[in-house]
Structure formats: C-alpha cells, structure tokens
Amino acid sequence: MSRYIPESLRTLVREHDKGYCAYCRSPESLSLVPFEIDHIVPLSRGGETEFRNLCLCCPICAVSVQ
C-alpha cells in the first residue's frame, strides 16, 4: 500500500466489513495476521483513498486480487 490511510478511516472500514474479508468473507478473528485495508479501484487506476473505495482484505485475497 503506497498511500497512508488514517487510523480513523481504517476503523470505519473494519466496522463496515464487520471483520470479514470483503472478497472471500473469511473472518479476521480466525487469522494469525491482521487483514489489510485494500483499494477496490487501485491507486494506479485512479482510485482514491476514501471510504467508498476501501475494503478489508485477507492475506490470501490480497495476493490474488493484485
């Protein structure tokens, strides 16, 4: 992730996604590592670092959606 995401925005995304990966719906509570905050539309494609373009993403999906 190349752009800083404020902690308050990270918290909103985690609450919105209820602790589940937005792609595969795996629960973060069962993971050994914290989930990432992912840009749905990548920054390289013009996506913005704003709530409507962010989601919670597990490590497996983070690798596969790139």
C-alpha atoms as a PDB file:
ATOM      1  CA  MET A   1       0.000   0.000   0.000  1.00  0.00           C
ATOM      2  CA  SER A   2       1.651   3.198  -1.097  1.00  0.00           C
ATOM      3  CA  ARG A   3      -0.618   5.807   0.478  1.00  0.00           C
ATOM      4  CA  TYR A   4      -1.168   6.426   4.189  1.00  0.00           C
ATOM      5  CA  ILE A   5      -4.665   5.602   5.454  1.00  0.00           C
ATOM      6  CA  PRO A   6      -5.595   7.353   8.717  1.00  0.00           C
ATOM      7  CA  GLU A   7      -6.454   5.089  11.651  1.00  0.00           C
ATOM      8  CA  SER A   8      -9.951   6.602  11.869  1.00  0.00           C
ATOM      9  CA  LEU A   9     -10.640   5.589   8.254  1.00  0.00           C
ATOM     10  CA  ARG A  10      -9.188   2.100   8.847  1.00  0.00           C
ATOM     11  CA  THR A  11     -11.546   1.716  11.806  1.00  0.00           C
ATOM     12  CA  LEU A  12     -14.559   2.730   9.702  1.00  0.00           C
ATOM     13  CA  VAL A  13     -13.657   0.176   7.016  1.00  0.00           C
ATOM     14  CA  ARG A  14     -13.179  -2.612   9.603  1.00  0.00           C
ATOM     15  CA  GLU A  15     -16.534  -1.775  11.210  1.00  0.00           C
ATOM     16  CA  HIS A  16     -18.279  -1.615   7.833  1.00  0.00           C
ATOM     17  CA  ASP A  17     -16.915  -5.007   6.760  1.00  0.00           C
ATOM     18  CA  LYS A  18     -17.632  -6.418  10.246  1.00  0.00           C
ATOM     19  CA  GLY A  19     -14.210  -8.053  10.494  1.00  0.00           C
ATOM     20  CA  TYR A  20     -14.635 -10.153   7.335  1.00  0.00           C
ATOM     21  CA  CYS A  21     -12.672 -10.081   4.096  1.00  0.00           C
ATOM     22  CA  ALA A  22     -14.749  -8.208   1.534  1.00  0.00           C
ATOM     23  CA  TYR A  23     -13.803 -10.699  -1.182  1.00  0.00           C
ATOM     24  CA  CYS A  24     -13.931 -14.204   0.351  1.00  0.00           C
ATOM     25  CA  ARG A  25     -15.745 -13.365   3.637  1.00  0.00           C
ATOM     26  CA  SER A  26     -13.106 -15.059   5.842  1.00  0.00           C
ATOM     27  CA  PRO A  27     -13.217 -13.745   9.425  1.00  0.00           C
ATOM     28  CA  GLU A  28     -10.218 -11.734  10.580  1.00  0.00           C
ATOM     29  CA  SER A  29     -10.725 -13.133  14.086  1.00  0.00           C
ATOM     30  CA  LEU A  30      -9.547 -16.576  12.875  1.00  0.00           C
ATOM     31  CA  SER A  31      -6.479 -15.251  11.082  1.00  0.00           C
ATOM     32  CA  LEU A  32      -2.986 -15.246  12.520  1.00  0.00           C
ATOM     33  CA  VAL A  33      -2.203 -11.933  10.813  1.00  0.00           C
ATOM     34  CA  PRO A  34      -4.230  -8.717  10.615  1.00  0.00           C
ATOM     35  CA  PHE A  35      -6.150  -8.080   7.409  1.00  0.00           C
ATOM     36  CA  GLU A  36      -5.149  -5.253   5.086  1.00  0.00           C
ATOM     37  CA  ILE A  37      -7.162  -2.255   4.005  1.00  0.00           C
ATOM     38  CA  ASP A  38      -7.399  -2.625   0.225  1.00  0.00           C
ATOM     39  CA  HIS A  39      -8.185  -0.111  -2.501  1.00  0.00           C
ATOM     40  CA  ILE A  40     -11.045  -1.562  -4.571  1.00  0.00           C
ATOM     41  CA  VAL A  41     -10.035   0.551  -7.560  1.00  0.00           C
ATOM     42  CA  PRO A  42      -6.223   0.645  -7.321  1.00  0.00           C
ATOM     43  CA  LEU A  43      -4.396   3.936  -6.951  1.00  0.00           C
ATOM     44  CA  SER A  44      -2.632   3.136 -10.241  1.00  0.00           C
ATOM     45  CA  ARG A  45      -6.043   3.084 -11.978  1.00  0.00           C
ATOM     46  CA  GLY A  46      -7.190   6.370 -10.491  1.00  0.00           C
ATOM     47  CA  GLY A  47      -8.747   5.029  -7.295  1.00  0.00           C
ATOM     48  CA  GLU A  48      -8.915   7.344  -4.308  1.00  0.00           C
ATOM     49  CA  THR A  49      -8.040   6.743  -0.675  1.00  0.00           C
ATOM     50  CA  GLU A  50     -11.585   7.308   0.562  1.00  0.00           C
ATOM     51  CA  PHE A  51     -14.124   5.184   2.425  1.00  0.00           C
ATOM     52  CA  ARG A  52     -16.171   4.155  -0.609  1.00  0.00           C
ATOM     53  CA  ASN A  53     -13.054   2.783  -2.332  1.00  0.00           C
ATOM     54  CA  LEU A  54     -11.629   0.806   0.601  1.00  0.00           C
ATOM     55  CA  CYS A  55     -12.360  -2.642   1.992  1.00  0.00           C
ATOM     56  CA  LEU A  56     -10.960  -5.193   4.413  1.00  0.00           C
ATOM     57  CA  CYS A  57      -8.878  -7.843   2.663  1.00  0.00           C
ATOM     58  CA  CYS A  58      -7.352 -11.105   3.938  1.00  0.00           C
ATOM     59  CA  PRO A  59      -3.743 -12.008   3.033  1.00  0.00           C
ATOM     60  CA  ILE A  60      -4.803 -14.665   0.513  1.00  0.00           C
ATOM     61  CA  CYS A  61      -7.120 -12.326  -1.372  1.00  0.00           C
ATOM     62  CA  ALA A  62      -4.562  -9.516  -1.152  1.00  0.00           C
ATOM     63  CA  VAL A  63      -2.203 -11.657  -3.234  1.00  0.00           C
ATOM     64  CA  SER A  64      -4.850 -12.858  -5.693  1.00  0.00           C
ATOM     65  CA  VAL A  65      -6.540  -9.511  -6.430  1.00  0.00           C
ATOM     66  CA  GLN A  66      -3.318  -7.779  -7.455  1.00  0.00           C
END
